[in-house]
């Protein structure tokens, strides 16, 4: 069985729900989530970034995969 690439793992994870850098680090040893998100966007995936401020004042990025909008007739 072929090992899943980081980008494949990230896209699968986004299909299940929101994703943070810590999730990607734990799930597929990805230290550069923003770079993989850029790759996925360039491949045509609509991924939104939500900046969340934590209780300690630090801000993290939370990524969400958005469904492609269907054209209205």
Protein backbone atom coordinates (compact mmCIF):
# COMPACT_ATOMS: atom_id res chain seq x y z
CA UNK A 1 0.00 0.00 0.00
CA UNK A 2 1.31 3.44 -0.98
CA UNK A 3 2.05 5.83 1.87
CA UNK A 4 -0.17 8.91 1.83
CA UNK A 5 1.63 12.21 1.15
CA UNK A 6 1.29 15.13 3.55
CA UNK A 7 -0.84 17.01 1.03
CA UNK A 8 -3.17 14.02 0.60
CA UNK A 9 -3.46 13.62 4.38
CA UNK A 10 -4.22 17.33 4.82
CA UNK A 11 -6.92 17.31 2.14
CA UNK A 12 -8.55 14.24 3.71
CA UNK A 13 -8.42 15.90 7.14
CA UNK A 14 -9.97 19.11 5.76
CA UNK A 15 -12.82 17.06 4.30
CA UNK A 16 -13.57 15.89 7.86
CA UNK A 17 -13.43 19.38 9.42
CA UNK A 18 -11.24 22.33 10.45
CA UNK A 19 -7.47 21.87 10.63
CA UNK A 20 -4.70 23.62 12.57
CA UNK A 21 -0.92 23.41 12.36
CA UNK A 22 -0.85 21.30 15.52
CA UNK A 23 -3.34 18.85 13.97
CA UNK A 24 -1.11 18.53 10.88
CA UNK A 25 2.02 18.10 12.97
CA UNK A 26 0.38 15.34 15.02
CA UNK A 27 -1.31 13.68 12.05
CA UNK A 28 1.36 13.64 9.34
CA UNK A 29 4.49 15.30 10.76
CA UNK A 30 3.88 18.42 8.66
CA UNK A 31 5.85 21.40 9.95
CA UNK A 32 4.83 23.68 7.04
CA UNK A 33 1.04 23.52 6.89
CA UNK A 34 0.71 26.94 5.23
CA UNK A 35 2.90 25.74 2.33
CA UNK A 36 0.81 22.61 1.86
CA UNK A 37 -2.39 24.73 2.01
CA UNK A 38 -0.91 26.93 -0.74
CA UNK A 39 -0.27 23.80 -2.83
CA UNK A 40 -3.86 22.67 -2.34
CA UNK A 41 -5.22 26.11 -3.25
CA UNK A 42 -3.08 26.17 -6.40
CA UNK A 43 -4.57 22.77 -7.29
CA UNK A 44 -8.04 24.38 -7.23
CA UNK A 45 -9.28 23.69 -3.69
CA UNK A 46 -11.18 26.49 -1.96
CA UNK A 47 -9.67 26.71 1.52
CA UNK A 48 -10.47 29.57 3.88
CA UNK A 49 -8.27 30.74 6.72
CA UNK A 50 -9.79 31.78 10.04
CA UNK A 51 -7.50 33.52 12.51
CA UNK A 52 -8.37 32.65 16.12
CA UNK A 53 -6.98 34.37 19.18
CA UNK A 54 -6.40 31.99 22.07
CA UNK A 55 -6.91 32.76 25.75
CA UNK A 56 -3.17 33.41 26.09
CA UNK A 57 -3.31 36.10 23.40
CA UNK A 58 -1.62 34.09 20.65
CA UNK A 59 -3.24 33.86 17.23
CA UNK A 60 -3.47 30.63 15.25
CA UNK A 61 -4.75 29.85 11.77
CA UNK A 62 -7.63 27.42 11.39
CA UNK A 63 -8.20 26.14 7.86
CA UNK A 64 -11.60 25.17 6.43
CA UNK A 65 -12.34 23.44 3.12
CA UNK A 66 -15.27 25.09 1.37
CA UNK A 67 -17.55 23.32 -1.06
CA UNK A 68 -17.39 24.62 -4.60
CA UNK A 69 -20.38 26.84 -5.26
CA UNK A 70 -22.63 25.58 -8.01
CA UNK A 71 -23.58 27.99 -10.76
CA UNK A 72 -27.14 29.24 -10.61
CA UNK A 73 -29.24 29.20 -13.77
